[in-house]
PDB file of all heavy atoms in Angstrom:
ATOM      1  N   ASN A   1      -2.103   3.404   6.710  1.00  0.00           N
ATOM      2  CA  ASN A   1      -1.673   3.952   5.426  1.00  0.00           C
ATOM      3  C   ASN A   1      -1.268   2.794   4.519  1.00  0.00           C
ATOM      4  O   ASN A   1      -0.297   2.104   4.802  1.00  0.00           O
ATOM      5  CB  ASN A   1      -0.473   4.894   5.618  1.00  0.00           C
ATOM      6  CG  ASN A   1      -0.836   6.161   6.362  1.00  0.00           C
ATOM      7  OD1 ASN A   1      -1.965   6.347   6.771  1.00  0.00           O
ATOM      8  ND2 ASN A   1       0.135   7.030   6.525  1.00  0.00           N
ATOM      9  N   ASP A   2      -2.013   2.595   3.428  1.00  0.00           N
ATOM     10  CA  ASP A   2      -1.725   1.452   2.547  1.00  0.00           C
ATOM     11  C   ASP A   2      -2.150   1.812   1.130  1.00  0.00           C
ATOM     12  O   ASP A   2      -3.294   1.580   0.730  1.00  0.00           O
ATOM     13  CB  ASP A   2      -2.474   0.212   3.040  1.00  0.00           C
ATOM     14  CG  ASP A   2      -2.018  -1.063   2.345  1.00  0.00           C
ATOM     15  OD1 ASP A   2      -1.328  -0.954   1.302  1.00  0.00           O
ATOM     16  OD2 ASP A   2      -2.353  -2.161   2.820  1.00  0.00           O
ATOM     17  N   ARG A   3      -1.203   2.356   0.360  1.00  0.00           N
ATOM     18  CA  ARG A   3      -1.539   2.842  -0.986  1.00  0.00           C
ATOM     19  C   ARG A   3      -2.003   1.732  -1.919  1.00  0.00           C
ATOM     20  O   ARG A   3      -2.739   1.985  -2.871  1.00  0.00           O
ATOM     21  CB  ARG A   3      -0.343   3.572  -1.599  1.00  0.00           C
ATOM     22  CG  ARG A   3       0.901   2.734  -1.816  1.00  0.00           C
ATOM     23  CD  ARG A   3       1.996   3.492  -2.562  1.00  0.00           C
ATOM     24  NE  ARG A   3       2.373   4.727  -1.883  1.00  0.00           N
ATOM     25  CZ  ARG A   3       3.266   4.787  -0.884  1.00  0.00           C
ATOM     26  NH1 ARG A   3       3.820   3.669  -0.420  1.00  0.00           N
ATOM     27  NH2 ARG A   3       3.583   5.928  -0.343  1.00  0.00           N
ATOM     28  N   ALA A   4      -1.621   0.484  -1.643  1.00  0.00           N
ATOM     29  CA  ALA A   4      -2.003  -0.623  -2.516  1.00  0.00           C
ATOM     30  C   ALA A   4      -3.504  -0.879  -2.496  1.00  0.00           C
ATOM     31  O   ALA A   4      -4.045  -1.549  -3.389  1.00  0.00           O
ATOM     32  CB  ALA A   4      -1.258  -1.896  -2.117  1.00  0.00           C
ATOM     33  N   LEU A   5      -4.196  -0.326  -1.490  1.00  0.00           N
ATOM     34  CA  LEU A   5      -5.636  -0.576  -1.366  1.00  0.00           C
ATOM     35  C   LEU A   5      -6.494   0.545  -1.931  1.00  0.00           C
ATOM     36  O   LEU A   5      -7.721   0.487  -1.845  1.00  0.00           O
ATOM     37  CB  LEU A   5      -5.997  -0.794   0.111  1.00  0.00           C
ATOM     38  CG  LEU A   5      -5.417  -2.042   0.775  1.00  0.00           C
ATOM     39  CD1 LEU A   5      -5.844  -2.097   2.235  1.00  0.00           C
ATOM     40  CD2 LEU A   5      -5.851  -3.305   0.049  1.00  0.00           C
ATOM     41  N   ARG A   6      -5.853   1.565  -2.517  1.00  0.00           N
ATOM     42  CA  ARG A   6      -6.646   2.687  -3.035  1.00  0.00           C
ATOM     43  C   ARG A   6      -7.643   2.246  -4.102  1.00  0.00           C
ATOM     44  O   ARG A   6      -8.777   2.709  -4.124  1.00  0.00           O
ATOM     45  CB  ARG A   6      -5.702   3.752  -3.602  1.00  0.00           C
ATOM     46  CG  ARG A   6      -4.940   4.523  -2.547  1.00  0.00           C
ATOM     47  CD  ARG A   6      -3.900   5.433  -3.174  1.00  0.00           C
ATOM     48  NE  ARG A   6      -3.099   6.095  -2.144  1.00  0.00           N
ATOM     49  CZ  ARG A   6      -1.912   6.635  -2.371  1.00  0.00           C
ATOM     50  NH1 ARG A   6      -1.370   6.579  -3.585  1.00  0.00           N
ATOM     51  NH2 ARG A   6      -1.255   7.211  -1.383  1.00  0.00           N
ATOM     52  N   ASP A   7      -7.206   1.374  -4.980  1.00  0.00           N
ATOM     53  CA  ASP A   7      -8.080   0.865  -6.038  1.00  0.00           C
ATOM     54  C   ASP A   7      -7.916  -0.643  -6.093  1.00  0.00           C
ATOM     55  O   ASP A   7      -6.809  -1.133  -6.360  1.00  0.00           O
ATOM     56  CB  ASP A   7      -7.726   1.485  -7.398  1.00  0.00           C
ATOM     57  CG  ASP A   7      -8.084   2.957  -7.450  1.00  0.00           C
ATOM     58  OD1 ASP A   7      -9.282   3.263  -7.491  1.00  0.00           O
ATOM     59  OD2 ASP A   7      -7.161   3.795  -7.457  1.00  0.00           O
ATOM     60  N   VAL A   8      -9.017  -1.370  -5.831  1.00  0.00           N
ATOM     61  CA  VAL A   8      -8.955  -2.829  -5.806  1.00  0.00           C
ATOM     62  C   VAL A   8     -10.160  -3.396  -6.538  1.00  0.00           C
ATOM     63  O   VAL A   8     -11.138  -2.690  -6.797  1.00  0.00           O
ATOM     64  CB  VAL A   8      -8.921  -3.380  -4.361  1.00  0.00           C
ATOM     65  CG1 VAL A   8      -7.717  -2.864  -3.600  1.00  0.00           C
ATOM     66  CG2 VAL A   8     -10.200  -3.032  -3.617  1.00  0.00           C
ATOM     67  N   VAL A   9     -10.090  -4.688  -6.856  1.00  0.00           N
ATOM     68  CA  VAL A   9     -11.229  -5.419  -7.411  1.00  0.00           C
ATOM     69  C   VAL A   9     -11.643  -6.454  -6.376  1.00  0.00           C
ATOM     70  O   VAL A   9     -10.806  -7.210  -5.858  1.00  0.00           O
ATOM     71  CB  VAL A   9     -10.864  -6.093  -8.744  1.00  0.00           C
ATOM     72  CG1 VAL A   9     -12.038  -6.941  -9.237  1.00  0.00           C
ATOM     73  CG2 VAL A   9     -10.476  -5.057  -9.784  1.00  0.00           C
ATOM     74  N   VAL A  10     -12.929  -6.489  -6.053  1.00  0.00           N
ATOM     75  CA  VAL A  10     -13.447  -7.457  -5.091  1.00  0.00           C
ATOM     76  C   VAL A  10     -14.361  -8.445  -5.807  1.00  0.00           C
ATOM     77  O   VAL A  10     -14.807  -8.199  -6.931  1.00  0.00           O
ATOM     78  CB  VAL A  10     -14.225  -6.766  -3.949  1.00  0.00           C
ATOM     79  CG1 VAL A  10     -13.308  -5.868  -3.133  1.00  0.00           C
ATOM     80  CG2 VAL A  10     -15.406  -5.972  -4.487  1.00  0.00           C
ATOM     81  N   GLY A  11     -14.614  -9.567  -5.145  1.00  0.00           N
ATOM     82  CA  GLY A  11     -15.565 -10.536  -5.685  1.00  0.00           C
ATOM     83  C   GLY A  11     -14.989 -11.473  -6.715  1.00  0.00           C
ATOM     84  O   GLY A  11     -15.763 -12.109  -7.468  1.00  0.00           O
ATOM     85  N   LEU A  12     -13.664 -11.585  -6.809  1.00  0.00           N
ATOM     86  CA  LEU A  12     -13.082 -12.541  -7.753  1.00  0.00           C
ATOM     87  C   LEU A  12     -13.286 -13.966  -7.238  1.00  0.00           C
ATOM     88  O   LEU A  12     -13.475 -14.190  -6.053  1.00  0.00           O
ATOM     89  CB  LEU A  12     -11.589 -12.256  -7.921  1.00  0.00           C
ATOM     90  CG  LEU A  12     -11.206 -10.892  -8.520  1.00  0.00           C
ATOM     91  CD1 LEU A  12      -9.684 -10.744  -8.566  1.00  0.00           C
ATOM     92  CD2 LEU A  12     -11.799 -10.722  -9.909  1.00  0.00           C
ATOM     93  N   GLY A  13     -13.246 -14.923  -8.136  1.00  0.00           N
ATOM     94  CA  GLY A  13     -13.312 -16.319  -7.728  1.00  0.00           C
ATOM     95  C   GLY A  13     -14.602 -17.023  -8.076  1.00  0.00           C
ATOM     96  O   GLY A  13     -14.860 -18.118  -7.597  1.00  0.00           O
ATOM     97  N   GLY A  14     -15.445 -16.395  -8.863  1.00  0.00           N
ATOM     98  CA  GLY A  14     -16.642 -17.099  -9.322  1.00  0.00           C
ATOM     99  C   GLY A  14     -17.912 -16.668  -8.622  1.00  0.00           C
ATOM    100  O   GLY A  14     -17.909 -15.826  -7.721  1.00  0.00           O
ATOM    101  N   VAL A  15     -19.011 -17.300  -9.039  1.00  0.00           N
ATOM    102  CA  VAL A  15     -20.355 -16.923  -8.588  1.00  0.00           C
ATOM    103  C   VAL A  15     -20.493 -17.004  -7.073  1.00  0.00           C
ATOM    104  O   VAL A  15     -21.156 -16.162  -6.443  1.00  0.00           O
ATOM    105  CB  VAL A  15     -21.404 -17.825  -9.264  1.00  0.00           C
ATOM    106  CG1 VAL A  15     -22.800 -17.537  -8.724  1.00  0.00           C
ATOM    107  CG2 VAL A  15     -21.367 -17.621 -10.769  1.00  0.00           C
ATOM    108  N   ALA A  16     -19.879 -17.964  -6.441  1.00  0.00           N
ATOM    109  CA  ALA A  16     -20.030 -18.158  -4.999  1.00  0.00           C
ATOM    110  C   ALA A  16     -19.503 -16.978  -4.201  1.00  0.00           C
ATOM    111  O   ALA A  16     -19.894 -16.769  -3.044  1.00  0.00           O
ATOM    112  CB  ALA A  16     -19.311 -19.430  -4.567  1.00  0.00           C
ATOM    113  N   ASN A  17     -18.624 -16.189  -4.796  1.00  0.00           N
ATOM    114  CA  ASN A  17     -18.026 -15.053  -4.099  1.00  0.00           C
ATOM    115  C   ASN A  17     -18.695 -13.723  -4.452  1.00  0.00           C
ATOM    116  O   ASN A  17     -18.162 -12.660  -4.155  1.00  0.00           O
ATOM    117  CB  ASN A  17     -16.532 -14.966  -4.407  1.00  0.00           C
ATOM    118  CG  ASN A  17     -15.774 -16.156  -3.861  1.00  0.00           C
ATOM    119  OD1 ASN A  17     -16.256 -16.837  -2.963  1.00  0.00           O
ATOM    120  ND2 ASN A  17     -14.598 -16.409  -4.395  1.00  0.00           N
ATOM    121  N   GLY A  18     -19.840 -13.787  -5.095  1.00  0.00           N
ATOM    122  CA  GLY A  18     -20.536 -12.560  -5.446  1.00  0.00           C
ATOM    123  C   GLY A  18     -20.134 -12.096  -6.832  1.00  0.00           C
ATOM    124  O   GLY A  18     -19.742 -12.882  -7.685  1.00  0.00           O
ATOM    125  N   PHE A  19     -20.247 -10.799  -7.044  1.00  0.00           N
ATOM    126  CA  PHE A  19     -19.970 -10.226  -8.358  1.00  0.00           C
ATOM    127  C   PHE A  19     -18.665  -9.437  -8.298  1.00  0.00           C
ATOM    128  O   PHE A  19     -18.323  -8.839  -7.290  1.00  0.00           O
ATOM    129  CB  PHE A  19     -21.123  -9.318  -8.797  1.00  0.00           C
ATOM    130  CG  PHE A  19     -21.336  -8.154  -7.886  1.00  0.00           C
ATOM    131  CD1 PHE A  19     -20.812  -6.904  -8.183  1.00  0.00           C
ATOM    132  CD2 PHE A  19     -22.042  -8.306  -6.700  1.00  0.00           C
ATOM    133  CE1 PHE A  19     -21.000  -5.845  -7.331  1.00  0.00           C
ATOM    134  CE2 PHE A  19     -22.230  -7.243  -5.843  1.00  0.00           C
ATOM    135  CZ  PHE A  19     -21.711  -6.005  -6.148  1.00  0.00           C
ATOM    136  N   SER A  20     -17.939  -9.451  -9.383  1.00  0.00           N
ATOM    137  CA  SER A  20     -16.671  -8.711  -9.432  1.00  0.00           C
ATOM    138  C   SER A  20     -16.946  -7.248  -9.735  1.00  0.00           C
ATOM    139  O   SER A  20     -17.732  -6.930 -10.629  1.00  0.00           O
ATOM    140  CB  SER A  20     -15.758  -9.293 -10.513  1.00  0.00           C
ATOM    141  OG  SER A  20     -15.482 -10.647 -10.236  1.00  0.00           O
ATOM    142  N   ARG A  21     -16.302  -6.354  -8.996  1.00  0.00           N
ATOM    143  CA  ARG A  21     -16.421  -4.921  -9.262  1.00  0.00           C
ATOM    144  C   ARG A  21     -15.200  -4.196  -8.723  1.00  0.00           C
ATOM    145  O   ARG A  21     -14.519  -4.676  -7.817  1.00  0.00           O
ATOM    146  CB  ARG A  21     -17.695  -4.344  -8.646  1.00  0.00           C
ATOM    147  CG  ARG A  21     -17.749  -4.359  -7.125  1.00  0.00           C
ATOM    148  CD  ARG A  21     -19.069  -3.790  -6.614  1.00  0.00           C
ATOM    149  NE  ARG A  21     -19.146  -3.791  -5.162  1.00  0.00           N
ATOM    150  CZ  ARG A  21     -18.745  -2.775  -4.388  1.00  0.00           C
ATOM    151  NH1 ARG A  21     -18.234  -1.695  -4.957  1.00  0.00           N
ATOM    152  NH2 ARG A  21     -18.830  -2.848  -3.071  1.00  0.00           N
ATOM    153  N   GLN A  22     -14.957  -3.039  -9.294  1.00  0.00           N
ATOM    154  CA  GLN A  22     -13.848  -2.207  -8.851  1.00  0.00           C
ATOM    155  C   GLN A  22     -14.307  -1.313  -7.704  1.00  0.00           C
ATOM    156  O   GLN A  22     -15.375  -0.725  -7.740  1.00  0.00           O
ATOM    157  CB  GLN A  22     -13.334  -1.335  -9.997  1.00  0.00           C
ATOM    158  CG  GLN A  22     -12.100  -0.519  -9.639  1.00  0.00           C
ATOM    159  CD  GLN A  22     -11.552   0.247 -10.832  1.00  0.00           C
ATOM    160  OE1 GLN A  22     -12.053   0.098 -11.941  1.00  0.00           O
ATOM    161  NE2 GLN A  22     -10.528   1.055 -10.619  1.00  0.00           N
ATOM    162  N   THR A  23     -13.502  -1.242  -6.661  1.00  0.00           N
ATOM    163  CA  THR A  23     -13.801  -0.393  -5.518  1.00  0.00           C
ATOM    164  C   THR A  23     -12.471   0.050  -4.897  1.00  0.00           C
ATOM    165  O   THR A  23     -11.475   0.168  -5.594  1.00  0.00           O
ATOM    166  CB  THR A  23     -14.716  -1.121  -4.507  1.00  0.00           C
ATOM    167  OG1 THR A  23     -15.010  -0.249  -3.411  1.00  0.00           O
ATOM    168  CG2 THR A  23     -14.094  -2.386  -3.982  1.00  0.00           C
ATOM    169  N   GLY A  24     -12.429   0.284  -3.615  1.00  0.00           N
ATOM    170  CA  GLY A  24     -11.190   0.699  -2.978  1.00  0.00           C
ATOM    171  C   GLY A  24     -11.370   0.889  -1.490  1.00  0.00           C
ATOM    172  O   GLY A  24     -12.471   0.716  -0.938  1.00  0.00           O
ATOM    173  N   PHE A  25     -10.292   1.244  -0.836  1.00  0.00           N
ATOM    174  CA  PHE A  25     -10.284   1.491   0.596  1.00  0.00           C
ATOM    175  C   PHE A  25      -9.907   2.952   0.871  1.00  0.00           C
ATOM    176  O   PHE A  25      -9.060   3.518   0.187  1.00  0.00           O
ATOM    177  CB  PHE A  25      -9.254   0.612   1.315  1.00  0.00           C
ATOM    178  CG  PHE A  25      -9.700  -0.798   1.565  1.00  0.00           C
ATOM    179  CD1 PHE A  25      -9.761  -1.722   0.528  1.00  0.00           C
ATOM    180  CD2 PHE A  25     -10.020  -1.223   2.841  1.00  0.00           C
ATOM    181  CE1 PHE A  25     -10.150  -3.034   0.753  1.00  0.00           C
ATOM    182  CE2 PHE A  25     -10.395  -2.525   3.084  1.00  0.00           C
ATOM    183  CZ  PHE A  25     -10.461  -3.443   2.041  1.00  0.00           C
ATOM    184  N   ASP A  26     -10.527   3.535   1.872  1.00  0.00           N
ATOM    185  CA  ASP A  26     -10.087   4.795   2.458  1.00  0.00           C
ATOM    186  C   ASP A  26      -9.515   4.491   3.838  1.00  0.00           C
ATOM    187  O   ASP A  26      -9.751   3.409   4.401  1.00  0.00           O
ATOM    188  CB  ASP A  26     -11.254   5.782   2.595  1.00  0.00           C
ATOM    189  CG  ASP A  26     -11.825   6.209   1.246  1.00  0.00           C
ATOM    190  OD1 ASP A  26     -11.035   6.262   0.274  1.00  0.00           O
ATOM    191  OD2 ASP A  26     -13.034   6.465   1.175  1.00  0.00           O
ATOM    192  N   ILE A  27      -8.791   5.457   4.404  1.00  0.00           N
ATOM    193  CA  ILE A  27      -8.345   5.294   5.784  1.00  0.00           C
ATOM    194  C   ILE A  27      -9.527   5.562   6.703  1.00  0.00           C
ATOM    195  O   ILE A  27     -10.428   6.354   6.381  1.00  0.00           O
ATOM    196  CB  ILE A  27      -7.155   6.242   6.084  1.00  0.00           C
ATOM    197  CG1 ILE A  27      -6.522   5.880   7.442  1.00  0.00           C
ATOM    198  CG2 ILE A  27      -7.560   7.701   6.008  1.00  0.00           C
ATOM    199  CD1 ILE A  27      -5.167   6.547   7.664  1.00  0.00           C
ATOM    200  N   THR A  28      -9.587   4.889   7.838  1.00  0.00           N
ATOM    201  CA  THR A  28     -10.750   4.967   8.724  1.00  0.00           C
ATOM    202  C   THR A  28     -11.119   6.397   9.092  1.00  0.00           C
ATOM    203  O   THR A  28     -12.302   6.740   9.198  1.00  0.00           O
ATOM    204  CB  THR A  28     -10.505   4.136   9.999  1.00  0.00           C
ATOM    205  OG1 THR A  28     -10.372   2.754   9.635  1.00  0.00           O
ATOM    206  CG2 THR A  28     -11.631   4.280  11.005  1.00  0.00           C
ATOM    207  N   VAL A  29     -10.116   7.238   9.293  1.00  0.00           N
ATOM    208  CA  VAL A  29     -10.418   8.611   9.698  1.00  0.00           C
ATOM    209  C   VAL A  29     -11.072   9.429   8.587  1.00  0.00           C
ATOM    210  O   VAL A  29     -11.554  10.539   8.834  1.00  0.00           O
ATOM    211  CB  VAL A  29      -9.139   9.325  10.205  1.00  0.00           C
ATOM    212  CG1 VAL A  29      -8.743   8.797  11.566  1.00  0.00           C
ATOM    213  CG2 VAL A  29      -8.003   9.170   9.218  1.00  0.00           C
ATOM    214  N   ALA A  30     -11.111   8.875   7.364  1.00  0.00           N
ATOM    215  CA  ALA A  30     -11.829   9.526   6.260  1.00  0.00           C
ATOM    216  C   ALA A  30     -13.246   8.979   6.104  1.00  0.00           C
ATOM    217  O   ALA A  30     -13.997   9.462   5.268  1.00  0.00           O
ATOM    218  CB  ALA A  30     -11.070   9.331   4.950  1.00  0.00           C
ATOM    219  N   SER A  31     -13.613   7.992   6.918  1.00  0.00           N
ATOM    220  CA  SER A  31     -14.931   7.380   6.816  1.00  0.00           C
ATOM    221  C   SER A  31     -16.034   8.358   7.225  1.00  0.00           C
ATOM    222  O   SER A  31     -15.889   9.125   8.180  1.00  0.00           O
ATOM    223  CB  SER A  31     -14.994   6.140   7.724  1.00  0.00           C
ATOM    224  OG  SER A  31     -16.334   5.701   7.892  1.00  0.00           O
ATOM    225  N   GLU A  32     -17.154   8.289   6.533  1.00  0.00           N
ATOM    226  CA  GLU A  32     -18.302   9.093   6.946  1.00  0.00           C
ATOM    227  C   GLU A  32     -18.815   8.644   8.306  1.00  0.00           C
ATOM    228  O   GLU A  32     -19.379   9.437   9.063  1.00  0.00           O
ATOM    229  CB  GLU A  32     -19.425   9.008   5.907  1.00  0.00           C
ATOM    230  CG  GLU A  32     -20.591   9.953   6.230  1.00  0.00           C
ATOM    231  CD  GLU A  32     -21.680   9.980   5.182  1.00  0.00           C
ATOM    232  OE1 GLU A  32     -21.496   9.363   4.116  1.00  0.00           O
ATOM    233  OE2 GLU A  32     -22.716  10.620   5.444  1.00  0.00           O
ATOM    234  N   VAL A  33     -18.589   7.385   8.655  1.00  0.00           N
ATOM    235  CA  VAL A  33     -18.983   6.912   9.987  1.00  0.00           C
ATOM    236  C   VAL A  33     -18.213   7.672  11.066  1.00  0.00           C
ATOM    237  O   VAL A  33     -18.762   8.027  12.112  1.00  0.00           O
ATOM    238  CB  VAL A  33     -18.778   5.389  10.112  1.00  0.00           C
ATOM    239  CG1 VAL A  33     -19.113   4.903  11.517  1.00  0.00           C
ATOM    240  CG2 VAL A  33     -19.621   4.647   9.085  1.00  0.00           C
ATOM    241  N   MET A  34     -16.924   7.919  10.827  1.00  0.00           N
ATOM    242  CA  MET A  34     -16.125   8.699  11.765  1.00  0.00           C
ATOM    243  C   MET A  34     -16.697  10.114  11.894  1.00  0.00           C
ATOM    244  O   MET A  34     -16.871  10.642  13.008  1.00  0.00           O
ATOM    245  CB  MET A  34     -14.671   8.780  11.294  1.00  0.00           C
ATOM    246  CG  MET A  34     -13.800   9.745  12.099  1.00  0.00           C
ATOM    247  SD  MET A  34     -13.493   9.204  13.779  1.00  0.00           S
ATOM    248  CE  MET A  34     -12.145   8.044  13.491  1.00  0.00           C
ATOM    249  N   ALA A  35     -17.004  10.732  10.752  1.00  0.00           N
ATOM    250  CA  ALA A  35     -17.562  12.083  10.791  1.00  0.00           C
ATOM    251  C   ALA A  35     -18.898  12.108  11.518  1.00  0.00           C
ATOM    252  O   ALA A  35     -19.187  13.040  12.291  1.00  0.00           O
ATOM    253  CB  ALA A  35     -17.719  12.616   9.363  1.00  0.00           C
ATOM    254  N   ILE A  36     -19.715  11.092  11.296  1.00  0.00           N
ATOM    255  CA  ILE A  36     -21.027  11.017  11.945  1.00  0.00           C
ATOM    256  C   ILE A  36     -20.865  10.879  13.452  1.00  0.00           C
ATOM    257  O   ILE A  36     -21.528  11.580  14.235  1.00  0.00           O
ATOM    258  CB  ILE A  36     -21.847   9.853  11.361  1.00  0.00           C
ATOM    259  CG1 ILE A  36     -22.333  10.211   9.957  1.00  0.00           C
ATOM    260  CG2 ILE A  36     -23.009   9.480  12.262  1.00  0.00           C
ATOM    261  CD1 ILE A  36     -22.972   9.060   9.209  1.00  0.00           C
ATOM    262  N   LEU A  37     -19.998   9.980  13.890  1.00  0.00           N
ATOM    263  CA  LEU A  37     -19.791   9.801  15.325  1.00  0.00           C
ATOM    264  C   LEU A  37     -19.331  11.104  15.977  1.00  0.00           C
ATOM    265  O   LEU A  37     -19.710  11.422  17.104  1.00  0.00           O
ATOM    266  CB  LEU A  37     -18.778   8.689  15.583  1.00  0.00           C
ATOM    267  CG  LEU A  37     -18.519   8.386  17.058  1.00  0.00           C
ATOM    268  CD1 LEU A  37     -18.608   6.890  17.333  1.00  0.00           C
ATOM    269  CD2 LEU A  37     -17.162   8.905  17.516  1.00  0.00           C
ATOM    270  N   CYS A  38     -18.546  11.882  15.251  1.00  0.00           N
ATOM    271  CA  CYS A  38     -18.007  13.117  15.818  1.00  0.00           C
ATOM    272  C   CYS A  38     -18.985  14.281  15.752  1.00  0.00           C
ATOM    273  O   CYS A  38     -18.723  15.330  16.354  1.00  0.00           O
ATOM    274  CB  CYS A  38     -16.701  13.491  15.114  1.00  0.00           C
ATOM    275  SG  CYS A  38     -15.349  12.384  15.550  1.00  0.00           S
ATOM    276  N   LEU A  39     -20.090  14.135  15.039  1.00  0.00           N
ATOM    277  CA  LEU A  39     -21.088  15.196  14.962  1.00  0.00           C
ATOM    278  C   LEU A  39     -22.400  14.826  15.649  1.00  0.00           C
ATOM    279  O   LEU A  39     -23.228  15.706  15.918  1.00  0.00           O
ATOM    280  CB  LEU A  39     -21.371  15.557  13.498  1.00  0.00           C
ATOM    281  CG  LEU A  39     -20.232  16.279  12.766  1.00  0.00           C
ATOM    282  CD1 LEU A  39     -20.521  16.367  11.278  1.00  0.00           C
ATOM    283  CD2 LEU A  39     -20.015  17.677  13.331  1.00  0.00           C
ATOM    284  N   ALA A  40     -22.592  13.549  15.958  1.00  0.00           N
ATOM    285  CA  ALA A  40     -23.838  13.098  16.583  1.00  0.00           C
ATOM    286  C   ALA A  40     -23.914  13.560  18.040  1.00  0.00           C
ATOM    287  O   ALA A  40     -22.897  13.664  18.728  1.00  0.00           O
ATOM    288  CB  ALA A  40     -23.949  11.578  16.516  1.00  0.00           C
ATOM    289  N   THR A  41     -25.129  13.813  18.506  1.00  0.00           N
ATOM    290  CA  THR A  41     -25.326  14.308  19.872  1.00  0.00           C
ATOM    291  C   THR A  41     -25.673  13.204  20.855  1.00  0.00           C
ATOM    292  O   THR A  41     -25.439  13.350  22.056  1.00  0.00           O
ATOM    293  CB  THR A  41     -26.438  15.366  19.901  1.00  0.00           C
ATOM    294  OG1 THR A  41     -27.630  14.819  19.308  1.00  0.00           O
ATOM    295  CG2 THR A  41     -26.024  16.603  19.106  1.00  0.00           C
TER     296      THR A  41
END
């Protein structure tokens, strides 16, 4: 649980670090990967 990560900017620091964009984090149990693992046969 980390509310500070809900909305973040990644890619700061210049061209070598990629492009800057706004994104965020979800908790792992909200990941679609978690849902997929729990529904896959």
